[in-house]
Amino acid sequence: MSGRLYVIGTGPGNPLQMTPEAQAAVDDSTVFLGYLPYLERLTLRPDQMRIASDNREELARARDALERAARGERVCMVSGGDPGVFAMAAAVCEAIENGPDGWKQVDLIIVPGITAMLAVAARIGAPLGHDFCAISLSDNLKPWPLIEKRLRLAAEAGFVVAFYNPVSKARPWQLDRAFEVLREVLKPETLVIFGRAAGRPDERIVVAPLSEANAGMADMATCVIIGSAETRRVPREGLPDLVYTPRFAASSSQ
């Protein structure tokens, strides 16, 4: 008998940002797999089992989930943010493609969620109001020269760019190098948003010009958003500034 595999995201960490559809998947599941900090966001019943694994074991975790679902269990794969954005949905699909035929018959339900760049954007205004893209700065699964190429081309095309995985203990230099690449294309006054733990008690949102942006302003819990030539800052007396990108493009170059 084929079981069911949900792939959900818990959102950026604020319980209110976890969707009702994701919560319904949690209620229907009996086994939960994921990175421990994400699993700890869930309140589980005594009959529900939690299986934590390292954040670098995505494919092994996906195979385990599919094996359990193929045996008839109701399984929930847990990611942060949205499971389809630099998260577990792609790993599950990869495991299905390369796994036994039985895994293709598993009832797979991928539940959309709120990803970090959307949470950060909402806290500061609307920096993603026009064309944008997301780039992971982790070179664990792709070569760094490819990341630099994409950064340069995105900047030249006038996209607002959201950085995921900007820095870590094992990768302390990539974010500063990314800023160096962007400074070759973008103006010094281009706005950079550092959004850490958006919506959580330890939230920190900082806006700086590209000329002053540096890796010391971010950590692994930070989503960094680089504005385009059109992105604007609106001061408000007694209130935080707004940052937004108009829904029109005034120019085709930086």
Foldseek 3Di string as FASTA:
>chain_A
DAAAEEEFACELQANVQGDPVVVVLLVVAAEEEEAVVQVVSDDHDPRHYYDHDDPVCLLVRLVVQLVCRLVHHSYYYYHHAFCVPPHNVVSNVVCCVPDDVSSVPHHYHGDGGHHDVNLLCVVFAALQLEAAEEDELDCPPHHNVVSLVVLLVCQFQQHWYKYAQQAEPVRQCRNQVSLVSNVVFDDQQWKKWKWASRPDPPTDIDIDGSVPDDSVSHYNRIMMITHGPQWDWADDPPDHIHIYGDHDDPDRGD
